Amino acid sequence: MVDDLAESLAVTLRTARRDRDLSVNALAERSGVSRAMIGKIERGAAQPTAVLLGRLSGALGMTLSELVARAEGNRLTRRADQPVWTDPETGYHRRALSTGGPLELVEVELPPGTDISYPADAYAFKHQQIWMLDGRLRFHEGETVHELDTGDCLQLGPPTPTRFVNPTDEPCRYLVALTKRNG
């Protein structure tokens, strides 16, 4: 069963692709996501994972937060009204704290043992920092591995493939601050 947010994501993704005058084939080539999967997502027949949404939003020149916020259709700041999305495959849980302005804030809870990878082009249009709120995160930035503990803050370097790994038996929580890159 597909929920209201998944249906809204379908419309938002299709609209963003068409606004950029991209065919499904072109988006598939840019994102590395199959045409069939893009079609299923755009029809609301599949609930996309965080990795798929990250690849698609990057290929569209958007942040994942922008894509989800557009699907939500609002930018309220009260906690009860902030857009929340959970990856159906991993349980990765993200809350868009602020969107639509020059700075986006996203709170993420990564379940124990979760390992999520993103390609470099998911970061091509933004600067990011990660601030650990609770727990431990092993963050792979290309060949460099950062072990982050509660209170640590990491400014990401140039776009490179990344992996977010929770190597512990407890969830970890972190804040991601994003701004768009110029040019």
C-alpha atoms as a PDB file:
ATOM      1  CA  MET A   1       0.000   0.000   0.000  1.00  0.00           C
ATOM      2  CA  VAL A   2       1.326   3.437  -0.939  1.00  0.00           C
ATOM      3  CA  ASP A   3       0.680   6.289   1.528  1.00  0.00           C
ATOM      4  CA  ASP A   4      -0.209   9.940   0.867  1.00  0.00           C
ATOM      5  CA  LEU A   5       3.431  11.094   1.079  1.00  0.00           C
ATOM      6  CA  ALA A   6       4.497   8.454  -1.467  1.00  0.00           C
ATOM      7  CA  GLU A   7       1.744   9.633  -3.826  1.00  0.00           C
ATOM      8  CA  SER A   8       2.816  13.244  -3.335  1.00  0.00           C
ATOM      9  CA  LEU A   9       6.475  12.248  -3.909  1.00  0.00           C
ATOM     10  CA  ALA A  10       5.392  10.609  -7.172  1.00  0.00           C
ATOM     11  CA  VAL A  11       3.791  13.840  -8.428  1.00  0.00           C
ATOM     12  CA  THR A  12       6.661  15.993  -7.128  1.00  0.00           C
ATOM     13  CA  LEU A  13       9.326  13.832  -8.786  1.00  0.00           C
ATOM     14  CA  ARG A  14       7.479  13.700 -12.103  1.00  0.00           C
ATOM     15  CA  THR A  15       6.907  17.484 -12.015  1.00  0.00           C
ATOM     16  CA  ALA A  16      10.559  18.224 -11.156  1.00  0.00           C
ATOM     17  CA  ARG A  17      11.740  15.958 -13.986  1.00  0.00           C
ATOM     18  CA  ARG A  18       9.398  17.584 -16.518  1.00  0.00           C
ATOM     19  CA  ASP A  19      10.256  21.110 -15.304  1.00  0.00           C
ATOM     20  CA  ARG A  20      13.874  20.318 -16.205  1.00  0.00           C
ATOM     21  CA  ASP A  21      12.794  18.968 -19.591  1.00  0.00           C
ATOM     22  CA  LEU A  22      14.225  15.529 -18.781  1.00  0.00           C
ATOM     23  CA  SER A  23      12.917  12.287 -20.152  1.00  0.00           C
ATOM     24  CA  VAL A  24      12.715   9.243 -17.899  1.00  0.00           C
ATOM     25  CA  ASN A  25      15.694   7.872 -19.877  1.00  0.00           C
ATOM     26  CA  ALA A  26      17.758  11.002 -19.202  1.00  0.00           C
ATOM     27  CA  LEU A  27      16.947  10.950 -15.489  1.00  0.00           C
ATOM     28  CA  ALA A  28      17.801   7.241 -15.340  1.00  0.00           C
ATOM     29  CA  GLU A  29      21.160   7.914 -16.976  1.00  0.00           C
ATOM     30  CA  ARG A  30      21.975  10.844 -14.670  1.00  0.00           C
ATOM     31  CA  SER A  31      20.860   9.117 -11.467  1.00  0.00           C
ATOM     32  CA  GLY A  32      21.806   5.488 -12.063  1.00  0.00           C
ATOM     33  CA  VAL A  33      18.222   4.501 -11.165  1.00  0.00           C
ATOM     34  CA  SER A  34      16.512   2.245 -13.691  1.00  0.00           C
ATOM     35  CA  ARG A  35      13.803   3.596 -15.972  1.00  0.00           C
ATOM     36  CA  ALA A  36      11.439   0.938 -14.638  1.00  0.00           C
ATOM     37  CA  MET A  37      11.966   2.033 -11.025  1.00  0.00           C
ATOM     38  CA  ILE A  38      11.551   5.717 -11.912  1.00  0.00           C
ATOM     39  CA  GLY A  39       8.306   4.821 -13.672  1.00  0.00           C
ATOM     40  CA  LYS A  40       7.046   2.899 -10.630  1.00  0.00           C
ATOM     41  CA  ILE A  41       7.918   5.766  -8.299  1.00  0.00           C
ATOM     42  CA  GLU A  42       6.311   8.379 -10.578  1.00  0.00           C
ATOM     43  CA  ARG A  43       3.131   6.275 -10.795  1.00  0.00           C
ATOM     44  CA  GLY A  44       3.055   5.862  -7.008  1.00  0.00           C
ATOM     45  CA  ALA A  45       3.417   2.090  -7.414  1.00  0.00           C
ATOM     46  CA  ALA A  46       6.626   1.894  -5.349  1.00  0.00           C
ATOM     47  CA  GLN A  47       7.791   3.484  -2.095  1.00  0.00           C
ATOM     48  CA  PRO A  48      11.325   4.790  -2.830  1.00  0.00           C
ATOM     49  CA  THR A  49      14.217   4.210  -0.441  1.00  0.00           C
ATOM     50  CA  ALA A  50      16.432   6.982   0.931  1.00  0.00           C
ATOM     51  CA  VAL A  51      19.209   5.945  -1.449  1.00  0.00           C
ATOM     52  CA  LEU A  52      16.931   6.129  -4.496  1.00  0.00           C
ATOM     53  CA  LEU A  53      15.518   9.504  -3.476  1.00  0.00           C
ATOM     54  CA  GLY A  54      19.053  10.788  -2.843  1.00  0.00           C
ATOM     55  CA  ARG A  55      20.190   9.699  -6.293  1.00  0.00           C
ATOM     56  CA  LEU A  56      17.112  11.119  -8.015  1.00  0.00           C
ATOM     57  CA  SER A  57      17.152  14.441  -6.154  1.00  0.00           C
ATOM     58  CA  GLY A  58      20.883  14.861  -6.892  1.00  0.00           C
ATOM     59  CA  ALA A  59      20.301  14.154 -10.584  1.00  0.00           C
ATOM     60  CA  LEU A  60      17.554  16.799 -10.553  1.00  0.00           C
ATOM     61  CA  GLY A  61      19.820  19.377  -8.873  1.00  0.00           C
ATOM     62  CA  MET A  62      17.775  19.318  -5.669  1.00  0.00           C
ATOM     63  CA  THR A  63      18.465  18.311  -2.109  1.00  0.00           C
ATOM     64  CA  LEU A  64      16.552  15.400  -0.637  1.00  0.00           C
ATOM     65  CA  SER A  65      15.039  17.888   1.819  1.00  0.00           C
ATOM     66  CA  GLU A  66      13.726  20.039  -1.035  1.00  0.00           C
ATOM     67  CA  LEU A  67      12.140  17.051  -2.721  1.00  0.00           C
ATOM     68  CA  VAL A  68      10.405  15.866   0.466  1.00  0.00           C
ATOM     69  CA  ALA A  69       9.376  19.420   1.446  1.00  0.00           C
ATOM     70  CA  ARG A  70       7.813  19.996  -1.973  1.00  0.00           C
ATOM     71  CA  ALA A  71       5.950  16.723  -1.603  1.00  0.00           C
ATOM     72  CA  GLU A  72       4.718  17.809   1.827  1.00  0.00           C
ATOM     73  CA  GLY A  73       3.593  21.166   0.476  1.00  0.00           C
ATOM     74  CA  ASN A  74       4.391  23.151   3.594  1.00  0.00           C
ATOM     75  CA  ARG A  75       7.271  24.481   5.681  1.00  0.00           C
ATOM     76  CA  LEU A  76       5.880  24.614   9.180  1.00  0.00           C
ATOM     77  CA  THR A  77       8.398  24.568  11.985  1.00  0.00           C
ATOM     78  CA  ARG A  78       6.374  23.087  14.842  1.00  0.00           C
ATOM     79  CA  ARG A  79       7.709  19.610  15.558  1.00  0.00           C
ATOM     80  CA  ALA A  80       4.328  17.964  15.115  1.00  0.00           C
ATOM     81  CA  ASP A  81       4.059  19.466  11.613  1.00  0.00           C
ATOM     82  CA  GLN A  82       7.605  18.908  10.322  1.00  0.00           C
ATOM     83  CA  PRO A  83       7.784  16.534   7.349  1.00  0.00           C
ATOM     84  CA  VAL A  84       8.951  13.100   8.483  1.00  0.00           C
ATOM     85  CA  TRP A  85       9.927  10.264   6.189  1.00  0.00           C
ATOM     86  CA  THR A  86      11.071   6.728   6.986  1.00  0.00           C
ATOM     87  CA  ASP A  87      12.949   4.550   4.497  1.00  0.00           C
ATOM     88  CA  PRO A  88      10.835   1.396   4.122  1.00  0.00           C
ATOM     89  CA  GLU A  89      13.939  -0.730   3.552  1.00  0.00           C
ATOM     90  CA  THR A  90      16.276   0.355   6.369  1.00  0.00           C
ATOM     91  CA  GLY A  91      14.133   2.249   8.879  1.00  0.00           C
ATOM     92  CA  TYR A  92      16.306   5.358   8.285  1.00  0.00           C
ATOM     93  CA  HIS A  93      14.176   8.156   9.725  1.00  0.00           C
ATOM     94  CA  ARG A  94      14.488  11.782   8.618  1.00  0.00           C
ATOM     95  CA  ARG A  95      12.730  14.889   9.845  1.00  0.00           C
ATOM     96  CA  ALA A  96      12.951  18.106   7.798  1.00  0.00           C
ATOM     97  CA  LEU A  97      13.335  20.757  10.487  1.00  0.00           C
ATOM     98  CA  SER A  98      13.561  23.656   8.033  1.00  0.00           C
ATOM     99  CA  THR A  99      13.320  23.879   4.261  1.00  0.00           C
ATOM    100  CA  GLY A 100      12.784  26.430   1.555  1.00  0.00           C
ATOM    101  CA  GLY A 101      15.389  28.943   2.692  1.00  0.00           C
ATOM    102  CA  PRO A 102      19.130  29.224   2.110  1.00  0.00           C
ATOM    103  CA  LEU A 103      19.756  26.798   4.990  1.00  0.00           C
ATOM    104  CA  GLU A 104      18.124  23.410   5.455  1.00  0.00           C
ATOM    105  CA  LEU A 105      18.249  21.449   8.688  1.00  0.00           C
ATOM    106  CA  VAL A 106      17.475  17.737   8.767  1.00  0.00           C
ATOM    107  CA  GLU A 107      17.429  15.443  11.796  1.00  0.00           C
ATOM    108  CA  VAL A 108      18.274  11.819  11.003  1.00  0.00           C
ATOM    109  CA  GLU A 109      17.946   8.692  13.115  1.00  0.00           C
ATOM    110  CA  LEU A 110      19.938   5.771  11.769  1.00  0.00           C
ATOM    111  CA  PRO A 111      18.943   2.360  13.170  1.00  0.00           C
ATOM    112  CA  PRO A 112      21.613   0.017  14.591  1.00  0.00           C
ATOM    113  CA  GLY A 113      23.708  -1.704  11.929  1.00  0.00           C
ATOM    114  CA  THR A 114      22.351   0.432   9.076  1.00  0.00           C
ATOM    115  CA  ASP A 115      24.655   1.208   6.135  1.00  0.00           C
ATOM    116  CA  ILE A 116      23.451   3.736   3.515  1.00  0.00           C
ATOM    117  CA  SER A 117      25.522   4.827   0.501  1.00  0.00           C
ATOM    118  CA  TYR A 118      25.102   7.883  -1.712  1.00  0.00           C
ATOM    119  CA  PRO A 119      26.914   8.712  -4.962  1.00  0.00           C
ATOM    120  CA  ALA A 120      29.016  11.869  -5.269  1.00  0.00           C
ATOM    121  CA  ASP A 121      26.405  13.614  -7.428  1.00  0.00           C
ATOM    122  CA  ALA A 122      23.959  13.535  -4.499  1.00  0.00           C
ATOM    123  CA  TYR A 123      26.245  16.237  -3.005  1.00  0.00           C
ATOM    124  CA  ALA A 124      27.058  18.185  -6.162  1.00  0.00           C
ATOM    125  CA  PHE A 125      24.769  21.102  -5.385  1.00  0.00           C
ATOM    126  CA  LYS A 126      25.252  21.639  -1.677  1.00  0.00           C
ATOM    127  CA  HIS A 127      27.606  22.216   1.242  1.00  0.00           C
ATOM    128  CA  GLN A 128      26.887  20.015   4.243  1.00  0.00           C
ATOM    129  CA  GLN A 129      27.835  19.617   7.861  1.00  0.00           C
ATOM    130  CA  ILE A 130      26.963  16.741  10.164  1.00  0.00           C
ATOM    131  CA  TRP A 131      26.521  17.346  13.895  1.00  0.00           C
ATOM    132  CA  MET A 132      26.169  14.244  16.060  1.00  0.00           C
ATOM    133  CA  LEU A 133      23.299  14.498  18.551  1.00  0.00           C
ATOM    134  CA  ASP A 134      23.419  10.969  20.040  1.00  0.00           C
ATOM    135  CA  GLY A 135      25.425   7.820  19.473  1.00  0.00           C
ATOM    136  CA  ARG A 136      28.171   6.971  17.026  1.00  0.00           C
ATOM    137  CA  LEU A 137      28.384   7.269  13.247  1.00  0.00           C
ATOM    138  CA  ARG A 138      31.052   5.894  10.945  1.00  0.00           C
ATOM    139  CA  PHE A 139      30.990   8.243   7.968  1.00  0.00           C
ATOM    140  CA  HIS A 140      32.890   7.253   4.812  1.00  0.00           C
ATOM    141  CA  GLU A 141      33.766  10.255   2.666  1.00  0.00           C
ATOM    142  CA  GLY A 142      35.434   8.711  -0.362  1.00  0.00           C
ATOM    143  CA  GLU A 143      38.484   6.872   0.998  1.00  0.00           C
ATOM    144  CA  THR A 144      38.439   8.788   4.313  1.00  0.00           C
ATOM    145  CA  VAL A 145      36.588   7.306   7.288  1.00  0.00           C
ATOM    146  CA  HIS A 146      35.405   9.590  10.095  1.00  0.00           C
ATOM    147  CA  GLU A 147      34.369   8.122  13.465  1.00  0.00           C
ATOM    148  CA  LEU A 148      31.859  10.608  14.883  1.00  0.00           C
ATOM    149  CA  ASP A 149      30.593  10.631  18.468  1.00  0.00           C
ATOM    150  CA  THR A 150      27.989  12.739  20.278  1.00  0.00           C
ATOM    151  CA  GLY A 151      28.850  16.433  19.925  1.00  0.00           C
ATOM    152  CA  ASP A 152      31.253  16.020  16.979  1.00  0.00           C
ATOM    153  CA  CYS A 153      30.704  18.183  13.907  1.00  0.00           C
ATOM    154  CA  LEU A 154      32.082  17.410  10.437  1.00  0.00           C
ATOM    155  CA  GLN A 155      32.101  19.756   7.448  1.00  0.00           C
ATOM    156  CA  LEU A 156      31.990  17.670   4.272  1.00  0.00           C
ATOM    157  CA  GLY A 157      34.603  18.267   1.593  1.00  0.00           C
ATOM    158  CA  PRO A 158      34.139  18.236  -2.190  1.00  0.00           C
ATOM    159  CA  PRO A 159      31.447  15.895  -3.559  1.00  0.00           C
ATOM    160  CA  THR A 160      32.506  12.268  -3.266  1.00  0.00           C
ATOM    161  CA  PRO A 161      30.704   8.951  -2.727  1.00  0.00           C
ATOM    162  CA  THR A 162      29.671   8.572   0.916  1.00  0.00           C
ATOM    163  CA  ARG A 163      28.441   5.937   3.355  1.00  0.00           C
ATOM    164  CA  PHE A 164      26.594   6.508   6.617  1.00  0.00           C
ATOM    165  CA  VAL A 165      27.156   3.514   8.906  1.00  0.00           C
ATOM    166  CA  ASN A 166      25.816   2.957  12.405  1.00  0.00           C
ATOM    167  CA  PRO A 167      28.230   0.289  13.728  1.00  0.00           C
ATOM    168  CA  THR A 168      26.528   0.019  17.136  1.00  0.00           C
ATOM    169  CA  ASP A 169      23.577  -1.759  18.770  1.00  0.00           C
ATOM    170  CA  GLU A 170      21.808   1.554  19.436  1.00  0.00           C
ATOM    171  CA  PRO A 171      20.273   4.116  17.076  1.00  0.00           C
ATOM    172  CA  CYS A 172      22.347   7.199  16.327  1.00  0.00           C
ATOM    173  CA  ARG A 173      20.941  10.666  15.694  1.00  0.00           C
ATOM    174  CA  TYR A 174      22.560  13.513  13.834  1.00  0.00           C
ATOM    175  CA  LEU A 175      21.703  16.877  12.373  1.00  0.00           C
ATOM    176  CA  VAL A 176      22.577  17.669   8.766  1.00  0.00           C
ATOM    177  CA  ALA A 177      22.893  21.364   7.837  1.00  0.00           C
ATOM    178  CA  LEU A 178      22.805  22.021   4.061  1.00  0.00           C
ATOM    179  CA  THR A 179      23.263  25.099   1.924  1.00  0.00           C
ATOM    180  CA  LYS A 180      23.266  25.259  -1.865  1.00  0.00           C
ATOM    181  CA  ARG A 181      26.571  25.688  -3.662  1.00  0.00           C
ATOM    182  CA  ASN A 182      26.900  28.680  -5.964  1.00  0.00           C
ATOM    183  CA  GLY A 183      27.306  27.782  -9.626  1.00  0.00           C
END
